[in-house]
Amino acid sequence: MKSKIIIHPILFAIFPVIMLYLNNIHFVSFSETLLPLAIIIGIIIPLWFVLKLILKDSVKSALITSLILVICFSYGYSYLMMDDLTINGFDVGKHRYLVIPFLAVFITGVFYLIKTNKRLNVANTVTNVASLTIVIITLVNIGAYSLENSFSINFEDESSVGLEYIKNEKELPDIFFIILDAYPGAASLKTTSNYDNSEFIDGLSERGFFVQKESYSNYAQSFISIPSVLNMKYLNYLTEQIGDSRDQTIPYEIADNNRVMNFLKSQGYAIASFDSGWGMTRDVKAAELQLCGDNQLFNSNFLIMLVKASALNPVYVKIFESSHIELKLCVFDELSKVQNRSDKPIFVFAHMMLPHPPFIFDADGGIRSVDNLDLSLEIKDNNSRNAHLEQLKFVNKKMTQVVDQLLNSENPPVIIITSDHGTAFLFDGNLANWDSPTNEMIKERMNNIMFVYLPSNKTDIFYEDMTLVNVFRVLFNYYFETDFEILDDKIFFSRDGSYDFIDVTDILRNG
């Protein structure tokens, strides 16, 4: 009877999802695995059932189903490992070479399972045990990680400070906070791409924006930079609390429960947030209006990674490209319309993964052919730099249009346009450079943009060398007559996923 127990198709369906989750557990929420699990199991069970009807053999149909799963995902991972691999100048990491052995194994395996007259109960039992073992080992590792990285934080300080102020009775402006991910500062852009961005910058200045001429982000990584600005505080205390862990749960929770949105709610604001396509800012819990998130299935970075690690790797870009493009264009289209969604004053948060890779748009908004949809800044060749510059020019064009639409609206809002950090061209995709960066590398990574428009045109409330941590402190003190302390403007460098913050303020300001 035991030999007739068949569980391995389900276990092999579960394994690639939980294994991918384990490999990315420090920044992926477990909830992101549920839909991919449902999709794979929803495909595998009907396939298994159809094979059983055709073969009239439950064991054979199960073994073929498991073989399909093993081949499918081992192919994807093999390709990712061999991509760009050359032997004696011969590029072996191409689909046309890799598909041959995998197809041969698949055809041979299926042919044998269909034709054999042998009882396959032992093979079924072994496959059950093997699949159960790898799933249990993976789940144990997930559990161990969760226990070792079980951090807690007191959110009382994160959300309540500043909320006790009496509501201001004067008419309050709408506020737009737009983060253009990895948009480099003018100096960095000139150094890395030999591009003069003064047309865009001067255009904003002529429209009344405060322009921070030499702007630097407080942090080098999005997962720290964004919750820092949304909470108007430095997050260096996380170094002691989290230590050497790369877990990003706490920064994600801090972003969800941020002071800026909670304070504005207390002042009667509606909060709107756009889907960014990136975990932390896909669905900010503090926002009651979630925009451009209708197609989150195909905008899921976890699902993209899973499909990329499968036999669908050759076509995964085609599967997700259109939804990726639609999301970016949706934000540009809806930014100028969102003021009409509420009778209350509104705070609009838009974190856009532009000009961040992948470089899909050319300068005129045409769609470029891309090989991948990676959210990677490891750019090593001039072709990629040129593609980055083209996409940046497109962003400039669209942002200028959005700004003009907002300024020409019935009630022009406060507009903050910034970036969470700069680019990483000079690092050349080399982890050693992140551990021992030159001053030029640090400057490139930290050099960002900051432009602020006030309907009152009173831009003298902002000051030279102001950083993001103080933007909302200054803004709230002006509009709400609060008394937020203006913090020292500090700049901290760190490698990706690290809480080891290095103060580089003097290097950048005085170097």
Protein backbone atom coordinates (compact mmCIF):
# COMPACT_ATOMS: atom_id res chain seq x y z
CA MET A 1 0.00 0.00 0.00
CA LYS A 2 2.81 2.39 0.83
CA SER A 3 4.18 2.10 -2.67
CA LYS A 4 0.89 3.49 -4.01
CA ILE A 5 1.23 6.71 -2.03
CA ILE A 6 2.05 9.40 -4.59
CA ILE A 7 3.05 12.84 -3.34
CA HIS A 8 6.16 13.70 -5.33
CA PRO A 9 4.50 15.74 -8.13
CA ILE A 10 3.08 18.14 -5.55
CA LEU A 11 6.37 18.27 -3.63
CA PHE A 12 8.40 18.91 -6.78
CA ALA A 13 5.93 21.68 -7.64
CA ILE A 14 6.43 23.26 -4.22
CA PHE A 15 10.21 22.90 -4.07
CA PRO A 16 11.36 25.48 -6.69
CA VAL A 17 9.13 28.13 -5.14
CA ILE A 18 10.28 27.64 -1.56
CA MET A 19 13.90 27.22 -2.67
CA LEU A 20 13.79 30.53 -4.53
CA TYR A 21 12.18 32.08 -1.48
CA LEU A 22 14.96 30.73 0.75
CA ASN A 23 17.62 32.17 -1.55
CA ASN A 24 15.95 35.59 -1.40
CA ILE A 25 14.41 35.40 2.06
CA HIS A 26 16.13 38.54 3.31
CA PHE A 27 13.98 40.78 1.11
CA VAL A 28 11.03 38.66 -0.11
CA SER A 29 7.86 38.28 1.91
CA PHE A 30 6.51 34.73 2.24
CA SER A 31 3.15 36.00 1.00
CA GLU A 32 4.77 36.58 -2.40
CA THR A 33 5.19 32.80 -2.77
CA LEU A 34 1.50 31.99 -2.43
CA LEU A 35 0.38 33.01 -5.90
CA PRO A 36 3.29 31.27 -7.70
CA LEU A 37 2.57 28.15 -5.64
CA ALA A 38 -1.08 28.28 -6.64
CA ILE A 39 -0.18 28.77 -10.31
CA ILE A 40 2.27 25.86 -10.46
CA ILE A 41 0.04 23.47 -8.55
CA GLY A 42 -2.92 24.65 -10.63
CA ILE A 43 -1.02 23.62 -13.77
CA ILE A 44 0.54 20.41 -12.46
CA ILE A 45 -2.58 18.75 -11.02
CA PRO A 46 -4.60 18.95 -14.29
CA LEU A 47 -1.52 17.81 -16.24
CA TRP A 48 -1.08 14.85 -13.91
CA PHE A 49 -4.79 14.03 -14.24
CA VAL A 50 -4.69 14.15 -18.06
CA LEU A 51 -1.60 11.93 -18.18
CA LYS A 52 -3.30 9.48 -15.86
CA LEU A 53 -6.33 9.33 -18.17
CA ILE A 54 -4.10 8.74 -21.19
CA LEU A 55 -1.70 6.21 -19.65
CA LYS A 56 -4.21 4.54 -17.34
CA ASP A 57 -1.38 4.29 -14.80
CA SER A 58 -1.19 6.56 -11.75
CA VAL A 59 2.49 5.84 -11.02
CA LYS A 60 3.72 6.39 -14.58
CA SER A 61 1.71 9.60 -14.92
CA ALA A 62 3.08 10.87 -11.61
CA LEU A 63 6.69 10.06 -12.53
CA ILE A 64 6.34 11.80 -15.90
CA THR A 65 4.81 14.84 -14.17
CA SER A 66 7.71 14.98 -11.71
CA LEU A 67 10.20 14.55 -14.54
CA ILE A 68 8.66 17.53 -16.32
CA LEU A 69 9.04 19.65 -13.18
CA VAL A 70 12.64 18.57 -12.55
CA ILE A 71 13.67 19.19 -16.16
CA CYS A 72 11.81 22.50 -16.28
CA PHE A 73 13.48 24.07 -13.26
CA SER A 74 16.88 22.41 -13.48
CA TYR A 75 17.14 23.76 -17.03
CA GLY A 76 16.48 27.32 -15.88
CA TYR A 77 19.01 27.20 -13.06
CA SER A 78 21.59 25.53 -15.31
CA TYR A 79 21.21 28.29 -17.86
CA LEU A 80 21.60 31.01 -15.23
CA MET A 81 24.80 29.36 -14.01
CA MET A 82 26.22 28.94 -17.52
CA ASP A 83 25.11 32.25 -18.99
CA ASP A 84 28.15 34.14 -20.34
CA LEU A 85 30.33 31.06 -19.73
CA THR A 86 33.04 30.65 -22.35
CA ILE A 87 35.48 27.78 -22.88
CA ASN A 88 38.50 28.57 -25.05
CA GLY A 89 36.62 31.53 -26.47
CA PHE A 90 33.51 29.46 -27.23
CA ASP A 91 30.29 30.74 -25.66
CA VAL A 92 28.63 27.62 -24.27
CA GLY A 93 26.01 29.48 -22.28
CA LYS A 94 23.41 29.62 -25.02
CA HIS A 95 19.98 28.02 -25.13
CA ARG A 96 20.63 26.27 -28.42
CA TYR A 97 23.45 24.28 -26.80
CA LEU A 98 21.92 23.70 -23.38
CA VAL A 99 18.55 22.54 -24.64
CA ILE A 100 20.04 19.50 -26.42
CA PRO A 101 21.08 17.44 -23.36
CA PHE A 102 17.97 18.42 -21.40
CA LEU A 103 15.68 17.54 -24.28
CA ALA A 104 17.49 14.23 -24.72
CA VAL A 105 17.07 13.34 -21.05
CA PHE A 106 13.40 14.35 -21.14
CA ILE A 107 12.55 12.37 -24.28
CA THR A 108 14.47 9.32 -23.10
CA GLY A 109 12.85 9.44 -19.67
CA VAL A 110 9.32 9.84 -20.98
CA PHE A 111 9.83 7.14 -23.62
CA TYR A 112 11.11 4.69 -21.01
CA LEU A 113 8.32 5.41 -18.54
CA ILE A 114 5.66 4.93 -21.20
CA LYS A 115 7.11 1.79 -22.75
CA THR A 116 8.40 -0.08 -19.71
CA ASN A 117 6.43 -3.04 -18.44
CA LYS A 118 8.27 -3.07 -15.13
CA ARG A 119 6.47 -2.21 -11.94
CA LEU A 120 7.58 1.25 -10.88
CA ASN A 121 6.53 1.12 -7.25
CA VAL A 122 10.13 1.26 -6.01
CA ALA A 123 10.91 4.21 -8.27
CA ASN A 124 7.77 5.91 -6.99
CA THR A 125 8.79 5.34 -3.36
CA VAL A 126 12.33 6.60 -3.95
CA THR A 127 10.98 9.70 -5.71
CA ASN A 128 8.54 10.30 -2.85
CA VAL A 129 11.35 10.12 -0.30
CA ALA A 130 13.72 12.28 -2.35
CA SER A 131 11.15 15.01 -2.95
CA LEU A 132 9.97 14.96 0.65
CA THR A 133 13.55 15.20 1.88
CA ILE A 134 14.48 18.27 -0.15
CA VAL A 135 11.23 20.02 0.77
CA ILE A 136 11.71 19.30 4.48
CA ILE A 137 15.34 20.46 4.39
CA THR A 138 14.32 23.68 2.65
CA LEU A 139 11.47 24.35 5.10
CA VAL A 140 13.79 23.67 8.05
CA ASN A 141 16.26 26.21 6.66
CA ILE A 142 13.47 28.74 6.22
CA GLY A 143 12.34 28.14 9.78
CA ALA A 144 15.88 28.41 11.11
CA TYR A 145 16.40 31.69 9.29
CA SER A 146 13.12 33.05 10.63
CA LEU A 147 14.10 32.17 14.20
CA GLU A 148 17.60 33.60 13.86
CA ASN A 149 16.29 36.79 12.28
CA SER A 150 13.23 37.32 14.44
CA PHE A 151 13.55 41.03 15.15
CA SER A 152 11.04 43.24 16.87
CA ILE A 153 10.74 46.98 16.95
CA ASN A 154 8.71 49.46 18.95
CA PHE A 155 6.71 51.43 16.41
CA GLU A 156 5.52 53.95 18.99
CA ASP A 157 8.51 56.13 18.18
CA GLU A 158 8.08 55.59 14.46
CA SER A 159 4.53 56.86 14.13
CA SER A 160 3.30 58.86 17.09
CA VAL A 161 5.96 61.56 17.40
CA GLY A 162 4.59 64.76 15.94
CA LEU A 163 1.00 63.53 15.70
CA GLU A 164 -0.14 65.50 18.71
CA TYR A 165 -0.10 68.85 16.92
CA ILE A 166 -3.36 70.78 16.61
CA LYS A 167 -4.69 70.58 13.11
CA ASN A 168 -3.91 73.61 11.01
CA GLU A 169 -7.10 75.32 9.89
CA LYS A 170 -5.60 77.08 6.85
CA GLU A 171 -5.97 75.62 3.39
CA LEU A 172 -3.36 72.93 2.94
CA PRO A 173 -1.67 72.03 -0.34
CA ASP A 174 -1.63 68.66 -2.00
CA ILE A 175 1.84 67.11 -1.76
CA PHE A 176 3.50 64.96 -4.42
CA PHE A 177 6.55 62.95 -3.38
CA ILE A 178 8.19 61.34 -6.41
CA ILE A 179 11.24 59.09 -6.09
CA LEU A 180 13.02 58.29 -9.35
CA ASP A 181 15.02 55.22 -8.44
CA ALA A 182 18.79 55.48 -9.01
CA TYR A 183 18.52 58.80 -10.86
CA PRO A 184 22.08 60.20 -10.70
CA GLY A 185 23.06 63.72 -9.77
CA ALA A 186 24.37 66.07 -12.44
CA ALA A 187 28.02 65.68 -11.45
CA SER A 188 27.86 61.89 -11.44
CA LEU A 189 26.01 61.81 -14.76
CA LYS A 190 28.67 64.00 -16.32
CA THR A 191 31.46 61.78 -14.97
CA THR A 192 30.01 58.38 -15.87
CA SER A 193 28.14 59.16 -19.08
CA ASN A 194 29.59 62.51 -20.20
CA TYR A 195 26.09 63.95 -20.28
CA ASP A 196 25.09 67.49 -19.36
CA ASN A 197 21.68 67.34 -17.69
CA SER A 198 21.30 71.10 -17.36
CA GLU A 199 18.37 71.33 -19.79
CA PHE A 200 16.16 69.28 -17.45
CA ILE A 201 17.49 70.86 -14.27
CA ASP A 202 17.33 74.43 -15.56
CA GLY A 203 13.82 73.76 -16.81
CA LEU A 204 12.69 72.88 -13.29
CA SER A 205 14.50 75.89 -11.85
CA GLU A 206 12.75 78.18 -14.33
CA ARG A 207 9.43 76.69 -13.22
CA GLY A 208 10.14 77.76 -9.63
CA PHE A 209 11.71 74.63 -8.17
CA PHE A 210 14.33 74.73 -5.45
CA VAL A 211 17.29 72.87 -6.95
CA GLN A 212 19.81 71.25 -4.64
CA LYS A 213 22.92 71.78 -6.76
CA GLU A 214 25.09 69.13 -5.10
CA SER A 215 22.69 66.64 -3.59
CA TYR A 216 23.56 63.40 -1.82
CA SER A 217 21.31 60.67 -0.47
CA ASN A 218 21.54 59.76 3.20
CA TYR A 219 21.96 56.07 2.35
CA ALA A 220 23.30 54.01 -0.54
CA GLN A 221 20.54 51.38 -0.71
CA SER A 222 16.83 51.77 -1.44
CA PHE A 223 15.68 49.52 1.41
CA ILE A 224 17.21 51.99 3.90
CA SER A 225 17.00 55.26 2.01
CA ILE A 226 13.24 55.15 1.42
CA PRO A 227 12.08 54.29 4.98
CA SER A 228 14.56 56.87 6.27
CA VAL A 229 13.03 59.76 4.34
CA LEU A 230 9.47 58.56 5.02
CA ASN A 231 10.24 58.56 8.74
CA MET A 232 12.33 61.75 8.75
CA LYS A 233 15.09 60.03 10.68
CA TYR A 234 18.33 58.12 10.40
CA LEU A 235 18.12 54.35 10.73
CA ASN A 236 21.66 53.68 11.94
CA TYR A 237 20.27 52.18 15.14
CA LEU A 238 19.37 49.13 13.03
CA THR A 239 23.07 48.24 12.94
CA GLU A 240 22.97 47.30 16.61
CA GLN A 241 19.51 45.78 16.43
CA ILE A 242 19.97 43.63 13.32
CA GLY A 243 23.75 43.21 13.25
CA ASP A 244 25.26 41.16 10.42
CA SER A 245 21.90 39.87 9.19
CA ARG A 246 20.82 40.88 5.69
CA ASP A 247 17.16 40.61 6.65
CA GLN A 248 15.08 43.58 5.47
CA THR A 249 11.88 42.87 7.39
CA ILE A 250 12.29 45.78 9.80
CA PRO A 251 12.94 48.45 7.14
CA TYR A 252 9.91 47.15 5.22
CA GLU A 253 7.73 47.45 8.33
CA ILE A 254 9.10 50.91 9.08
CA ALA A 255 8.21 52.00 5.55
CA ASP A 256 4.69 50.58 5.89
CA ASN A 257 4.15 52.38 9.20
CA ASN A 258 5.92 55.61 8.30
CA ARG A 259 5.73 58.93 10.15
CA VAL A 260 5.19 61.13 7.10
CA MET A 261 1.98 59.44 6.00
CA ASN A 262 0.69 58.99 9.55
CA PHE A 263 1.33 62.64 10.35
CA LEU A 264 -0.45 63.81 7.21
CA LYS A 265 -3.38 61.52 7.97
CA SER A 266 -3.67 63.24 11.35
CA GLN A 267 -3.89 66.55 9.49
CA GLY A 268 -6.79 65.34 7.34
CA TYR A 269 -4.91 64.19 4.26
CA ALA A 270 -5.83 61.32 2.00
CA ILE A 271 -2.84 59.13 1.15
CA ALA A 272 -2.27 57.73 -2.34
CA SER A 273 0.54 55.38 -3.36
CA PHE A 274 1.52 53.99 -6.75
CA ASP A 275 2.61 50.40 -7.29
CA SER A 276 6.36 50.49 -7.97
CA GLY A 277 6.81 46.84 -8.92
CA TRP A 278 9.37 46.51 -6.10
CA GLY A 279 8.56 44.85 -2.77
CA MET A 280 8.81 47.69 -0.25
CA THR A 281 6.79 50.23 -2.21
CA ARG A 282 4.37 47.99 -4.09
CA ASP A 283 1.55 48.29 -1.61
CA VAL A 284 2.32 50.72 1.22
CA LYS A 285 -0.08 49.89 4.05
CA ALA A 286 -0.39 53.47 5.27
CA ALA A 287 -1.99 54.48 1.95
CA GLU A 288 -5.73 54.08 1.42
CA LEU A 289 -5.52 54.72 -2.33
CA GLN A 290 -3.40 52.15 -4.19
CA LEU A 291 -2.91 53.07 -7.83
CA CYS A 292 -1.62 51.27 -10.95
CA GLY A 293 -1.66 47.95 -9.12
CA ASP A 294 -4.28 46.19 -11.23
CA ASN A 295 -1.74 43.84 -12.80
CA GLN A 296 0.36 42.90 -9.77
CA LEU A 297 0.48 39.26 -10.87
CA PHE A 298 2.72 40.00 -13.84
CA ASN A 299 4.52 42.84 -12.05
CA SER A 300 5.70 40.53 -9.27
CA ASN A 301 9.48 40.47 -9.16
CA PHE A 302 9.39 37.11 -7.35
CA LEU A 303 7.27 35.56 -10.10
CA ILE A 304 9.63 36.99 -12.70
CA MET A 305 12.60 35.42 -10.90
CA LEU A 306 10.78 32.08 -10.73
CA VAL A 307 9.91 32.00 -14.42
CA LYS A 308 13.43 33.11 -15.31
CA ALA A 309 14.76 30.11 -13.35
CA SER A 310 12.63 27.70 -15.38
CA ALA A 311 12.56 26.29 -18.90
CA LEU A 312 10.58 29.40 -19.83
CA ASN A 313 13.78 31.44 -19.45
CA PRO A 314 14.12 32.01 -23.23
CA VAL A 315 10.72 33.71 -23.38
CA TYR A 316 10.29 35.14 -19.88
CA VAL A 317 11.00 38.69 -21.07
CA LYS A 318 8.17 38.42 -23.61
CA ILE A 319 5.83 37.12 -20.90
CA PHE A 320 6.38 40.04 -18.53
CA GLU A 321 7.58 42.87 -20.75
CA SER A 322 4.20 44.36 -21.59
CA SER A 323 3.02 44.50 -17.97
CA HIS A 324 6.36 46.03 -16.97
CA ILE A 325 5.92 48.78 -19.57
CA GLU A 326 2.25 49.33 -18.71
CA LEU A 327 3.09 49.87 -15.04
CA LYS A 328 5.66 52.58 -15.79
CA LEU A 329 3.40 54.38 -18.23
CA CYS A 330 0.42 54.10 -15.89
CA VAL A 331 2.23 56.06 -13.19
CA PHE A 332 3.16 58.85 -15.60
CA ASP A 333 -0.42 58.99 -16.90
CA GLU A 334 -2.12 58.93 -13.50
CA LEU A 335 0.13 61.35 -11.61
CA SER A 336 -1.57 64.38 -13.10
CA LYS A 337 -5.07 62.97 -12.44
CA VAL A 338 -4.77 61.76 -8.86
CA GLN A 339 -5.75 65.10 -7.30
CA ASN A 340 -9.28 64.49 -8.57
CA ARG A 341 -9.60 61.28 -6.54
CA SER A 342 -10.19 62.99 -3.20
CA ASP A 343 -12.05 65.98 -1.81
CA LYS A 344 -9.49 66.15 0.99
CA PRO A 345 -5.94 67.41 0.57
CA ILE A 346 -3.91 64.49 -0.76
CA PHE A 347 -0.39 63.17 -0.29
CA VAL A 348 0.79 61.28 -3.37
CA PHE A 349 3.72 58.88 -3.10
CA ALA A 350 5.24 57.54 -6.32
CA HIS A 351 8.40 55.45 -6.22
CA MET A 352 9.25 54.76 -9.85
CA MET A 353 11.82 52.16 -10.89
CA LEU A 354 13.17 54.60 -13.47
CA PRO A 355 15.75 55.29 -14.80
CA HIS A 356 16.66 52.10 -12.93
CA PRO A 357 17.23 49.00 -15.10
CA PRO A 358 15.87 47.29 -17.13
CA PHE A 359 16.41 49.86 -19.87
CA ILE A 360 13.24 49.41 -21.89
CA PHE A 361 12.59 52.96 -23.12
CA ASP A 362 14.59 55.01 -25.58
CA ALA A 363 14.70 58.79 -25.34
CA ASP A 364 11.44 59.22 -27.28
CA GLY A 365 9.56 56.52 -25.40
CA GLY A 366 10.07 53.82 -27.99
CA ILE A 367 10.40 50.28 -26.67
CA ARG A 368 13.86 48.78 -26.76
CA SER A 369 14.51 45.05 -27.04
CA VAL A 370 16.03 43.79 -23.78
CA ASP A 371 17.51 40.44 -22.82
CA ASN A 372 16.33 40.48 -19.22
CA LEU A 373 14.18 42.31 -16.71
CA ASP A 374 16.72 42.23 -13.90
CA LEU A 375 16.64 44.98 -11.30
CA SER A 376 20.44 45.00 -11.42
CA LEU A 377 22.76 47.98 -11.45
CA GLU A 378 25.80 45.91 -12.40
CA ILE A 379 26.37 47.73 -15.66
CA LYS A 380 29.69 46.93 -17.28
CA ASP A 381 29.64 48.10 -20.88
CA ASN A 382 29.10 51.32 -22.77
CA ASN A 383 26.06 49.94 -24.59
CA SER A 384 24.28 49.59 -21.25
CA ARG A 385 25.38 53.06 -20.23
CA ASN A 386 23.99 54.44 -23.45
CA ALA A 387 20.73 52.58 -22.84
CA HIS A 388 20.60 54.04 -19.32
CA LEU A 389 21.11 57.53 -20.72
CA GLU A 390 18.34 57.01 -23.27
CA GLN A 391 15.94 55.92 -20.53
CA LEU A 392 16.96 58.89 -18.37
CA LYS A 393 16.17 61.27 -21.23
CA PHE A 394 12.74 59.64 -21.53
CA VAL A 395 12.19 60.13 -17.79
CA ASN A 396 13.18 63.80 -18.14
CA LYS A 397 10.65 64.25 -20.92
CA LYS A 398 7.80 62.55 -19.06
CA MET A 399 8.56 64.25 -15.74
CA THR A 400 8.58 67.67 -17.41
CA GLN A 401 5.14 66.89 -18.84
CA VAL A 402 3.86 65.75 -15.44
CA VAL A 403 5.26 68.86 -13.73
CA ASP A 404 3.63 71.17 -16.28
CA GLN A 405 0.29 69.41 -15.87
CA LEU A 406 0.47 69.73 -12.09
CA LEU A 407 1.56 73.37 -12.18
CA ASN A 408 -1.27 74.20 -14.57
CA SER A 409 -3.88 72.48 -12.39
CA GLU A 410 -6.47 74.40 -10.41
CA ASN A 411 -4.50 73.89 -7.20
CA PRO A 412 -0.78 73.46 -7.90
CA PRO A 413 0.68 71.10 -5.30
CA VAL A 414 3.93 70.86 -3.43
CA ILE A 415 6.17 68.70 -5.64
CA ILE A 416 9.24 66.87 -4.38
CA ILE A 417 11.27 65.06 -7.03
CA THR A 418 14.24 63.12 -5.75
CA SER A 419 16.14 59.85 -6.04
CA ASP A 420 16.96 57.34 -3.34
CA HIS A 421 20.61 57.05 -4.45
CA GLY A 422 22.77 57.32 -7.55
CA THR A 423 24.09 54.77 -10.03
CA ALA A 424 26.83 52.15 -9.69
CA PHE A 425 28.63 52.17 -13.04
CA LEU A 426 32.11 52.58 -11.58
CA PHE A 427 31.67 49.51 -9.38
CA ASP A 428 31.68 47.42 -12.56
CA GLY A 429 29.55 44.70 -10.98
CA ASN A 430 32.46 43.73 -8.72
CA LEU A 431 31.56 42.95 -5.09
CA ALA A 432 35.15 43.74 -4.07
CA ASN A 433 34.56 47.34 -5.15
CA TRP A 434 31.60 47.58 -2.78
CA ASP A 435 33.82 46.41 0.08
CA SER A 436 36.65 48.82 -0.79
CA PRO A 437 35.20 51.62 -2.91
CA THR A 438 37.19 54.58 -4.14
CA ASN A 439 36.00 58.09 -3.32
CA GLU A 440 34.82 58.41 -6.92
CA MET A 441 32.69 55.27 -6.55
CA ILE A 442 31.18 56.54 -3.32
CA LYS A 443 30.37 59.89 -4.88
CA GLU A 444 28.69 58.25 -7.86
CA ARG A 445 26.52 56.07 -5.64
CA MET A 446 25.50 58.83 -3.23
CA ASN A 447 25.04 61.68 -5.74
CA ASN A 448 21.28 61.97 -6.25
CA ILE A 449 18.77 64.64 -7.26
CA MET A 450 16.50 66.86 -5.18
CA PHE A 451 14.01 69.35 -6.59
CA VAL A 452 11.20 70.94 -4.54
CA TYR A 453 8.36 73.17 -5.67
CA LEU A 454 6.15 75.16 -3.28
CA PRO A 455 2.98 76.92 -4.51
CA SER A 456 3.97 79.86 -2.32
CA ASN A 457 7.35 80.04 -4.12
CA LYS A 458 8.98 80.39 -0.70
CA THR A 459 11.92 78.16 -1.57
CA ASP A 460 14.25 79.99 0.80
CA ILE A 461 13.05 77.70 3.60
CA PHE A 462 15.32 75.07 2.08
CA TYR A 463 19.07 75.31 2.41
CA GLU A 464 22.28 74.28 0.70
CA ASP A 465 23.43 70.73 1.52
CA MET A 466 19.99 69.74 2.86
CA THR A 467 19.43 66.00 2.56
CA LEU A 468 16.30 63.90 2.35
CA VAL A 469 16.10 63.21 6.07
CA ASN A 470 15.23 66.89 6.62
CA VAL A 471 12.95 67.60 3.65
CA PHE A 472 9.68 66.79 5.40
CA ARG A 473 10.89 68.29 8.68
CA VAL A 474 11.37 71.63 6.93
CA LEU A 475 8.15 71.25 4.96
CA PHE A 476 6.01 70.36 7.97
CA ASN A 477 7.49 73.14 10.09
CA TYR A 478 6.52 75.61 7.36
CA TYR A 479 3.02 74.38 6.51
CA PHE A 480 1.87 72.94 9.85
CA GLU A 481 3.84 75.16 12.25
CA THR A 482 5.37 72.10 13.86
CA ASP A 483 8.69 72.16 15.63
CA PHE A 484 10.59 69.27 14.14
CA GLU A 485 14.29 69.53 14.84
CA ILE A 486 16.51 69.95 11.79
CA LEU A 487 19.01 67.10 11.97
CA ASP A 488 22.65 67.22 10.95
CA ASP A 489 22.85 66.26 7.29
CA LYS A 490 24.85 63.03 7.16
CA ILE A 491 25.71 60.67 4.31
CA PHE A 492 26.26 56.95 4.91
CA PHE A 493 27.63 54.40 2.46
CA SER A 494 26.98 50.65 2.67
CA ARG A 495 26.99 47.66 0.37
CA ASP A 496 23.74 46.01 -0.71
CA GLY A 497 21.87 44.31 2.11
CA SER A 498 24.29 45.52 4.77
CA TYR A 499 23.60 47.53 7.92
CA ASP A 500 27.26 48.48 8.25
CA PHE A 501 26.94 52.21 7.61
CA ILE A 502 30.09 54.22 6.91
CA ASP A 503 29.93 57.99 7.41
CA VAL A 504 31.24 59.51 4.17
CA THR A 505 29.96 63.04 4.76
CA ASP A 506 33.41 64.63 5.01
CA ILE A 507 34.69 62.68 2.01
CA LEU A 508 31.90 64.05 -0.18
CA ARG A 509 31.56 67.54 1.25
CA ASN A 510 35.23 68.33 1.76
CA GLY A 511 37.06 65.78 -0.41
